[in-house]
Amino acid sequence: MTSEHQEVRLRLATAADAEAVTRVFLDSRAAAMPYLRRIHSDEDTLAWITHVVLPTSTAVWVAEGVGEDGEGGELLGFAALAGGGELDHLYLRPDVLRRGVGSRLLAEVRGAVDGPIGLYVFQRNTAARAFYERHGFTAVAFDDGGRNEENEPDVLYRWTP
């Protein structure tokens, strides 16, 4: 568990973050979307994060707690930006929700993109949808799930500066 007032530092992810990023991804999805069917093993997800997400994204930022010694601590969340201004991933550890970490990661993404940002969210993920709507994103298209591996209906959101 992390303290509610813990200092948070954002930095670009490195290959050494793959395991921690994978753990955040898996834990976040399990907590926020228990209805979502698991189609990949933990090992396959780690391989995907290691060999696809980290090296091919335009940028991946991690949020980490800062220890009392001023050094980086536990990974709290991450955001991955793909080309063309698409936010591919923004996931947080379930125990750090509603503490500003996601807002800080989203601000970092906005600062890196010169223009609109698009992202997909599963329609049933009402907490994520509310988060993006609070941050000025607008739903622009609804899909039946045919475009994602989970076959879960999703929503395309767009934010324009």
Protein backbone atom coordinates (compact mmCIF):
# COMPACT_ATOMS: atom_id res chain seq x y z
CA MET A 1 0.00 0.00 0.00
CA THR A 2 1.13 3.50 -0.64
CA SER A 3 0.58 6.51 1.55
CA GLU A 4 -2.09 8.92 0.39
CA HIS A 5 0.42 11.79 0.49
CA GLN A 6 3.40 9.97 -1.00
CA GLU A 7 5.44 11.95 -3.49
CA VAL A 8 5.14 10.70 -7.06
CA ARG A 9 7.72 11.05 -9.82
CA LEU A 10 7.07 10.54 -13.54
CA ARG A 11 9.78 9.29 -15.85
CA LEU A 12 10.13 7.50 -19.16
CA ALA A 13 9.94 3.74 -18.84
CA THR A 14 12.94 1.52 -19.54
CA ALA A 15 13.19 -2.16 -20.44
CA ALA A 16 13.91 -2.84 -16.75
CA ASP A 17 10.33 -1.72 -15.94
CA ALA A 18 8.69 -4.51 -17.97
CA GLU A 19 7.81 -6.77 -15.04
CA ALA A 20 6.42 -3.96 -12.88
CA VAL A 21 4.44 -2.50 -15.81
CA THR A 22 3.02 -5.96 -16.54
CA ARG A 23 1.99 -6.40 -12.90
CA VAL A 24 0.21 -3.02 -12.89
CA PHE A 25 -1.52 -3.87 -16.18
CA LEU A 26 -2.75 -7.26 -14.93
CA ASP A 27 -3.74 -6.10 -11.44
CA SER A 28 -5.56 -3.03 -12.74
CA ARG A 29 -7.56 -4.95 -15.31
CA ALA A 30 -8.49 -7.67 -12.80
CA ALA A 31 -9.70 -5.09 -10.25
CA ALA A 32 -11.46 -2.68 -12.62
CA MET A 33 -12.86 -5.15 -15.14
CA PRO A 34 -13.49 -8.53 -13.51
CA TYR A 35 -15.94 -9.34 -16.34
CA LEU A 36 -13.17 -9.14 -18.95
CA ARG A 37 -12.12 -12.54 -20.19
CA ARG A 38 -8.42 -13.35 -19.88
CA ILE A 39 -7.09 -14.39 -23.26
CA HIS A 40 -3.35 -14.29 -22.52
CA SER A 41 -1.26 -15.81 -19.75
CA ASP A 42 0.79 -13.63 -17.41
CA GLU A 43 3.92 -14.83 -19.25
CA ASP A 44 2.50 -13.87 -22.66
CA THR A 45 1.47 -10.48 -21.28
CA LEU A 46 5.01 -9.90 -19.96
CA ALA A 47 6.43 -10.82 -23.38
CA TRP A 48 4.01 -8.40 -25.06
CA ILE A 49 4.92 -5.55 -22.69
CA THR A 50 8.65 -6.34 -23.07
CA HIS A 51 8.79 -6.82 -26.84
CA VAL A 52 5.90 -4.70 -28.15
CA VAL A 53 4.60 -2.03 -25.78
CA LEU A 54 7.88 -0.71 -24.35
CA PRO A 55 10.02 -0.71 -27.52
CA THR A 56 7.41 0.31 -30.11
CA SER A 57 5.34 2.97 -28.33
CA THR A 58 6.10 6.60 -29.06
CA ALA A 59 6.64 6.98 -25.31
CA VAL A 60 5.80 5.10 -22.12
CA TRP A 61 5.79 6.98 -18.84
CA VAL A 62 5.77 5.42 -15.42
CA ALA A 63 4.66 6.96 -12.16
CA GLU A 64 6.65 5.79 -9.18
CA GLY A 65 6.49 6.55 -5.52
CA VAL A 66 9.49 8.38 -4.14
CA GLY A 67 11.06 6.80 -1.09
CA GLU A 68 12.21 8.69 1.99
CA ASP A 69 15.73 8.55 0.56
CA GLY A 70 14.57 10.44 -2.53
CA GLU A 71 15.07 7.41 -4.73
CA GLY A 72 12.41 5.91 -6.98
CA GLY A 73 10.22 3.34 -5.33
CA GLU A 74 7.34 1.17 -6.39
CA LEU A 75 5.71 1.58 -9.77
CA LEU A 76 2.24 3.07 -9.29
CA GLY A 77 1.03 3.30 -12.88
CA PHE A 78 1.96 3.84 -16.50
CA ALA A 79 0.76 5.47 -19.71
CA ALA A 80 1.73 4.41 -23.24
CA LEU A 81 1.38 6.72 -26.22
CA ALA A 82 1.23 5.28 -29.73
CA GLY A 83 1.81 7.19 -32.92
CA GLY A 84 -0.81 9.53 -34.26
CA GLY A 85 -1.81 10.84 -30.84
CA GLU A 86 -3.41 7.63 -29.58
CA LEU A 87 -3.24 6.84 -25.89
CA ASP A 88 -2.92 3.05 -25.93
CA HIS A 89 -2.73 2.43 -22.20
CA LEU A 90 -3.18 4.22 -18.91
CA TYR A 91 -3.27 1.86 -15.94
CA LEU A 92 -2.83 2.36 -12.20
CA ARG A 93 -2.35 0.03 -9.30
CA PRO A 94 -5.78 -0.47 -7.72
CA ASP A 95 -4.57 0.94 -4.37
CA VAL A 96 -3.59 4.34 -5.83
CA LEU A 97 -6.82 5.29 -7.59
CA ARG A 98 -8.21 8.79 -7.00
CA ARG A 99 -4.91 10.21 -5.76
CA GLY A 100 -3.98 12.25 -8.82
CA VAL A 101 -1.56 9.73 -10.33
CA GLY A 102 -3.70 9.10 -13.41
CA SER A 103 -4.26 12.83 -13.89
CA ARG A 104 -0.51 13.43 -13.77
CA LEU A 105 0.16 10.70 -16.33
CA LEU A 106 -2.57 12.07 -18.59
CA ALA A 107 -1.08 15.57 -18.32
CA GLU A 108 2.29 14.16 -19.38
CA VAL A 109 0.69 12.55 -22.43
CA ARG A 110 -1.09 15.79 -23.33
CA GLY A 111 2.19 17.67 -23.08
CA ALA A 112 3.81 15.27 -25.55
CA VAL A 113 1.10 15.48 -28.21
CA ASP A 114 0.65 18.46 -30.49
CA GLY A 115 -3.00 18.04 -31.36
CA PRO A 116 -5.93 15.78 -30.54
CA ILE A 117 -5.63 12.59 -28.50
CA GLY A 118 -7.77 9.54 -29.09
CA LEU A 119 -8.25 6.45 -26.95
CA TYR A 120 -10.50 3.45 -26.61
CA VAL A 121 -12.23 2.40 -23.38
CA PHE A 122 -14.44 -0.63 -22.86
CA GLN A 123 -18.05 0.55 -22.61
CA ARG A 124 -18.58 -1.26 -19.28
CA ASN A 125 -15.50 0.40 -17.73
CA THR A 126 -17.57 3.23 -16.26
CA ALA A 127 -14.85 4.43 -13.89
CA ALA A 128 -12.38 4.95 -16.75
CA ARG A 129 -15.04 6.58 -18.88
CA ALA A 130 -15.88 9.01 -16.07
CA PHE A 131 -12.15 9.76 -15.58
CA TYR A 132 -11.65 10.67 -19.25
CA GLU A 133 -14.88 12.67 -19.41
CA ARG A 134 -13.79 14.67 -16.33
CA HIS A 135 -10.60 15.45 -18.25
CA GLY A 136 -12.44 16.82 -21.29
CA PHE A 137 -12.58 13.75 -23.53
CA THR A 138 -15.72 13.25 -25.60
CA ALA A 139 -17.17 9.94 -26.80
CA VAL A 140 -17.16 10.06 -30.60
CA ALA A 141 -17.87 6.44 -31.65
CA PHE A 142 -19.19 3.23 -30.15
CA ASP A 143 -18.04 -0.20 -31.35
CA ASP A 144 -19.50 -3.68 -30.92
CA GLY A 145 -16.18 -5.19 -29.76
CA GLY A 146 -15.14 -6.51 -33.15
CA ARG A 147 -12.00 -4.37 -33.15
CA ASN A 148 -10.43 -5.78 -29.95
CA GLU A 149 -9.20 -9.21 -28.87
CA GLU A 150 -11.60 -9.40 -25.95
CA ASN A 151 -14.63 -8.84 -28.23
CA GLU A 152 -15.79 -6.31 -25.64
CA PRO A 153 -17.81 -3.31 -26.88
CA ASP A 154 -15.76 -0.13 -26.59
CA VAL A 155 -15.94 3.62 -27.00
CA LEU A 156 -13.59 5.89 -28.93
CA TYR A 157 -12.88 9.08 -26.99
CA ARG A 158 -11.21 12.19 -28.35
CA TRP A 159 -9.70 15.21 -26.67
CA THR A 160 -8.83 18.34 -28.60
CA PRO A 161 -6.64 21.05 -27.09
